[in-house]
């Protein structure tokens, strides 16, 4: 099972959003997205190395998509 890290999506107030999570310094994470939670997850970034204890990643929202789900996974 993947080591999923607690994360939160933040509305930046200007039409963009960010994903934030508490990270272990120097640890590698991957960012994944699913559009429906049924057809699997797409890897957006496979090797995000934490350089600060709270990581923030800007997300681009596709206006054609009515919803999306993101998760952060700690790499082995």
N, C-alpha and C. Protein backbone atom coordinates (compact mmCIF):
# COMPACT_ATOMS: atom_id res chain seq x y z
N UNK A 1 0.85 -1.19 0.00
CA UNK A 1 0.00 0.00 0.00
C UNK A 1 0.89 1.24 0.00
N UNK A 2 0.48 2.27 -0.73
CA UNK A 2 1.29 3.49 -0.76
C UNK A 2 1.28 4.20 0.59
N UNK A 3 2.36 4.88 0.89
CA UNK A 3 2.50 5.64 2.12
C UNK A 3 1.96 7.05 1.86
N UNK A 4 0.64 7.22 1.95
CA UNK A 4 -0.02 8.48 1.64
C UNK A 4 0.18 9.46 2.78
N UNK A 5 0.55 10.70 2.43
CA UNK A 5 0.82 11.75 3.39
C UNK A 5 -0.40 12.68 3.47
N UNK A 6 -0.78 13.07 4.67
CA UNK A 6 -1.89 14.02 4.82
C UNK A 6 -1.57 15.31 4.10
N UNK A 7 -2.53 15.79 3.33
CA UNK A 7 -2.33 17.02 2.55
C UNK A 7 -3.63 17.80 2.49
N UNK A 8 -3.52 19.05 2.07
CA UNK A 8 -4.68 19.92 1.97
C UNK A 8 -4.56 20.77 0.71
N UNK A 9 -5.69 20.97 0.03
CA UNK A 9 -5.72 21.85 -1.13
C UNK A 9 -6.10 23.24 -0.65
N UNK A 10 -5.35 24.25 -1.10
CA UNK A 10 -5.54 25.62 -0.66
C UNK A 10 -6.01 26.46 -1.84
N UNK A 11 -7.12 27.18 -1.68
CA UNK A 11 -7.59 28.11 -2.70
C UNK A 11 -6.80 29.40 -2.53
N UNK A 12 -5.99 29.73 -3.53
CA UNK A 12 -5.12 30.91 -3.43
C UNK A 12 -5.87 32.22 -3.64
N UNK A 13 -7.17 32.14 -4.00
CA UNK A 13 -7.98 33.34 -4.12
C UNK A 13 -7.84 34.07 -5.44
N UNK A 14 -6.96 33.61 -6.30
CA UNK A 14 -6.78 34.27 -7.59
C UNK A 14 -7.10 33.33 -8.75
N UNK A 15 -7.89 32.29 -8.46
CA UNK A 15 -8.24 31.32 -9.49
C UNK A 15 -7.29 30.13 -9.54
N UNK A 16 -6.24 30.16 -8.74
CA UNK A 16 -5.31 29.04 -8.71
C UNK A 16 -5.40 28.35 -7.35
N UNK A 17 -4.87 27.13 -7.29
CA UNK A 17 -4.88 26.39 -6.04
C UNK A 17 -3.48 25.82 -5.79
N UNK A 18 -3.23 25.49 -4.54
CA UNK A 18 -1.97 24.88 -4.14
C UNK A 18 -2.27 23.67 -3.27
N UNK A 19 -1.35 22.73 -3.28
CA UNK A 19 -1.44 21.57 -2.42
C UNK A 19 -0.34 21.68 -1.38
N UNK A 20 -0.70 21.58 -0.12
CA UNK A 20 0.28 21.70 0.96
C UNK A 20 0.31 20.44 1.80
N UNK A 21 1.50 20.10 2.30
CA UNK A 21 1.64 18.97 3.20
C UNK A 21 2.86 19.15 4.09
N UNK A 22 2.82 18.54 5.26
CA UNK A 22 3.99 18.55 6.15
C UNK A 22 4.94 17.48 5.67
N UNK A 23 6.21 17.85 5.53
CA UNK A 23 7.19 16.95 4.93
C UNK A 23 8.35 16.69 5.87
N UNK A 24 9.00 15.56 5.65
CA UNK A 24 10.25 15.26 6.33
C UNK A 24 11.37 15.78 5.44
N UNK A 25 12.27 16.57 6.00
CA UNK A 25 13.34 17.17 5.22
C UNK A 25 14.20 16.09 4.55
N UNK A 26 14.50 16.31 3.28
CA UNK A 26 15.35 15.40 2.53
C UNK A 26 14.65 14.15 2.02
N UNK A 27 13.37 13.99 2.33
CA UNK A 27 12.62 12.81 1.91
C UNK A 27 11.98 13.08 0.55
N UNK A 28 11.88 12.04 -0.26
CA UNK A 28 11.32 12.15 -1.60
C UNK A 28 9.83 11.79 -1.60
N UNK A 29 9.05 12.57 -2.34
CA UNK A 29 7.60 12.36 -2.44
C UNK A 29 7.20 12.35 -3.91
N UNK A 30 6.03 11.78 -4.18
CA UNK A 30 5.46 11.91 -5.52
C UNK A 30 4.05 12.47 -5.40
N UNK A 31 3.65 13.22 -6.41
CA UNK A 31 2.35 13.86 -6.46
C UNK A 31 1.53 13.19 -7.54
N UNK A 32 0.33 12.74 -7.19
CA UNK A 32 -0.54 12.04 -8.13
C UNK A 32 -1.91 12.71 -8.21
N UNK A 33 -2.58 12.51 -9.34
CA UNK A 33 -3.91 13.08 -9.56
C UNK A 33 -4.85 12.02 -10.13
N UNK A 34 -6.09 12.08 -9.70
CA UNK A 34 -7.14 11.24 -10.26
C UNK A 34 -8.34 12.14 -10.57
N UNK A 35 -8.98 11.87 -11.68
CA UNK A 35 -10.16 12.68 -12.03
C UNK A 35 -11.45 12.08 -11.51
N UNK A 36 -11.43 10.78 -11.16
CA UNK A 36 -12.67 10.15 -10.70
C UNK A 36 -12.49 9.09 -9.62
N UNK A 37 -11.28 8.87 -9.16
CA UNK A 37 -10.95 7.88 -8.13
C UNK A 37 -11.25 6.45 -8.55
N UNK A 38 -11.64 6.24 -9.80
CA UNK A 38 -11.98 4.90 -10.27
C UNK A 38 -10.93 4.37 -11.24
N UNK A 39 -10.47 5.23 -12.13
CA UNK A 39 -9.58 4.79 -13.20
C UNK A 39 -8.10 4.95 -12.87
N UNK A 40 -7.77 4.98 -11.60
CA UNK A 40 -6.37 5.03 -11.20
C UNK A 40 -5.83 6.44 -11.05
N UNK A 41 -4.54 6.50 -10.77
CA UNK A 41 -3.86 7.75 -10.47
C UNK A 41 -2.80 8.03 -11.51
N UNK A 42 -2.66 9.29 -11.89
CA UNK A 42 -1.63 9.74 -12.82
C UNK A 42 -0.55 10.45 -12.02
N UNK A 43 0.70 10.08 -12.25
CA UNK A 43 1.81 10.72 -11.55
C UNK A 43 2.10 12.07 -12.21
N UNK A 44 2.00 13.16 -11.43
CA UNK A 44 2.31 14.50 -11.93
C UNK A 44 3.78 14.83 -11.72
N UNK A 45 4.33 14.44 -10.57
CA UNK A 45 5.74 14.62 -10.24
C UNK A 45 6.17 13.38 -9.48
N UNK A 46 7.28 12.77 -9.89
CA UNK A 46 7.67 11.51 -9.27
C UNK A 46 8.74 11.63 -8.20
N UNK A 47 9.43 12.78 -8.13
CA UNK A 47 10.52 12.89 -7.17
C UNK A 47 10.63 14.32 -6.64
N UNK A 48 9.73 14.66 -5.72
CA UNK A 48 9.78 15.96 -5.05
C UNK A 48 10.56 15.77 -3.76
N UNK A 49 11.72 16.37 -3.65
CA UNK A 49 12.52 16.23 -2.43
C UNK A 49 12.24 17.40 -1.51
N UNK A 50 11.84 17.08 -0.30
CA UNK A 50 11.46 18.11 0.67
C UNK A 50 12.67 18.93 1.10
N UNK A 51 12.59 20.24 0.86
CA UNK A 51 13.66 21.13 1.30
C UNK A 51 13.19 22.07 2.40
N UNK A 52 11.95 21.92 2.81
CA UNK A 52 11.40 22.67 3.95
C UNK A 52 10.33 21.81 4.60
N UNK A 53 10.01 22.10 5.83
CA UNK A 53 9.10 21.22 6.57
C UNK A 53 7.67 21.31 6.08
N UNK A 54 7.26 22.42 5.50
CA UNK A 54 5.92 22.51 4.92
C UNK A 54 6.09 22.73 3.43
N UNK A 55 5.68 21.76 2.64
CA UNK A 55 5.82 21.86 1.19
C UNK A 55 4.53 22.40 0.59
N UNK A 56 4.67 23.30 -0.39
CA UNK A 56 3.54 23.86 -1.12
C UNK A 56 3.81 23.64 -2.61
N UNK A 57 2.85 23.07 -3.31
CA UNK A 57 2.99 22.81 -4.73
C UNK A 57 1.82 23.46 -5.47
N UNK A 58 2.11 24.36 -6.39
CA UNK A 58 1.07 25.00 -7.18
C UNK A 58 0.46 24.03 -8.18
N UNK A 59 -0.86 24.05 -8.30
CA UNK A 59 -1.56 23.16 -9.22
C UNK A 59 -2.28 23.97 -10.29
N UNK A 60 -2.28 23.47 -11.49
CA UNK A 60 -3.03 24.08 -12.58
C UNK A 60 -4.34 23.34 -12.72
N UNK A 61 -5.42 24.07 -12.68
CA UNK A 61 -6.74 23.47 -12.78
C UNK A 61 -7.22 23.59 -14.22
N UNK A 62 -7.60 22.46 -14.80
CA UNK A 62 -8.13 22.42 -16.16
C UNK A 62 -9.59 22.85 -16.11
N UNK A 63 -9.96 23.93 -16.81
CA UNK A 63 -11.35 24.40 -16.75
C UNK A 63 -12.35 23.41 -17.35
N UNK A 64 -11.88 22.44 -18.12
CA UNK A 64 -12.75 21.42 -18.70
C UNK A 64 -13.09 20.31 -17.71
N UNK A 65 -12.37 20.27 -16.60
CA UNK A 65 -12.56 19.22 -15.60
C UNK A 65 -13.38 19.76 -14.45
N UNK A 66 -14.46 19.06 -14.10
CA UNK A 66 -15.33 19.55 -13.04
C UNK A 66 -14.78 19.27 -11.65
N UNK A 67 -13.89 18.28 -11.53
CA UNK A 67 -13.29 17.98 -10.22
C UNK A 67 -12.02 17.17 -10.44
N UNK A 68 -11.19 17.18 -9.43
CA UNK A 68 -9.95 16.40 -9.45
C UNK A 68 -9.56 16.09 -8.01
N UNK A 69 -8.80 15.04 -7.86
CA UNK A 69 -8.31 14.62 -6.55
C UNK A 69 -6.80 14.49 -6.64
N UNK A 70 -6.11 14.89 -5.58
CA UNK A 70 -4.66 14.80 -5.54
C UNK A 70 -4.24 14.07 -4.28
N UNK A 71 -3.08 13.41 -4.37
CA UNK A 71 -2.51 12.80 -3.18
C UNK A 71 -0.99 12.89 -3.25
N UNK A 72 -0.38 12.93 -2.08
CA UNK A 72 1.07 12.96 -1.93
C UNK A 72 1.47 11.65 -1.30
N UNK A 73 2.47 11.00 -1.92
CA UNK A 73 2.94 9.71 -1.44
C UNK A 73 4.43 9.78 -1.15
N UNK A 74 4.80 9.29 0.02
CA UNK A 74 6.22 9.23 0.39
C UNK A 74 6.87 8.09 -0.39
N UNK A 75 7.93 8.40 -1.14
CA UNK A 75 8.64 7.37 -1.90
C UNK A 75 9.41 6.46 -0.97
N UNK A 76 9.55 5.18 -1.35
CA UNK A 76 10.29 4.24 -0.49
C UNK A 76 11.77 4.59 -0.42
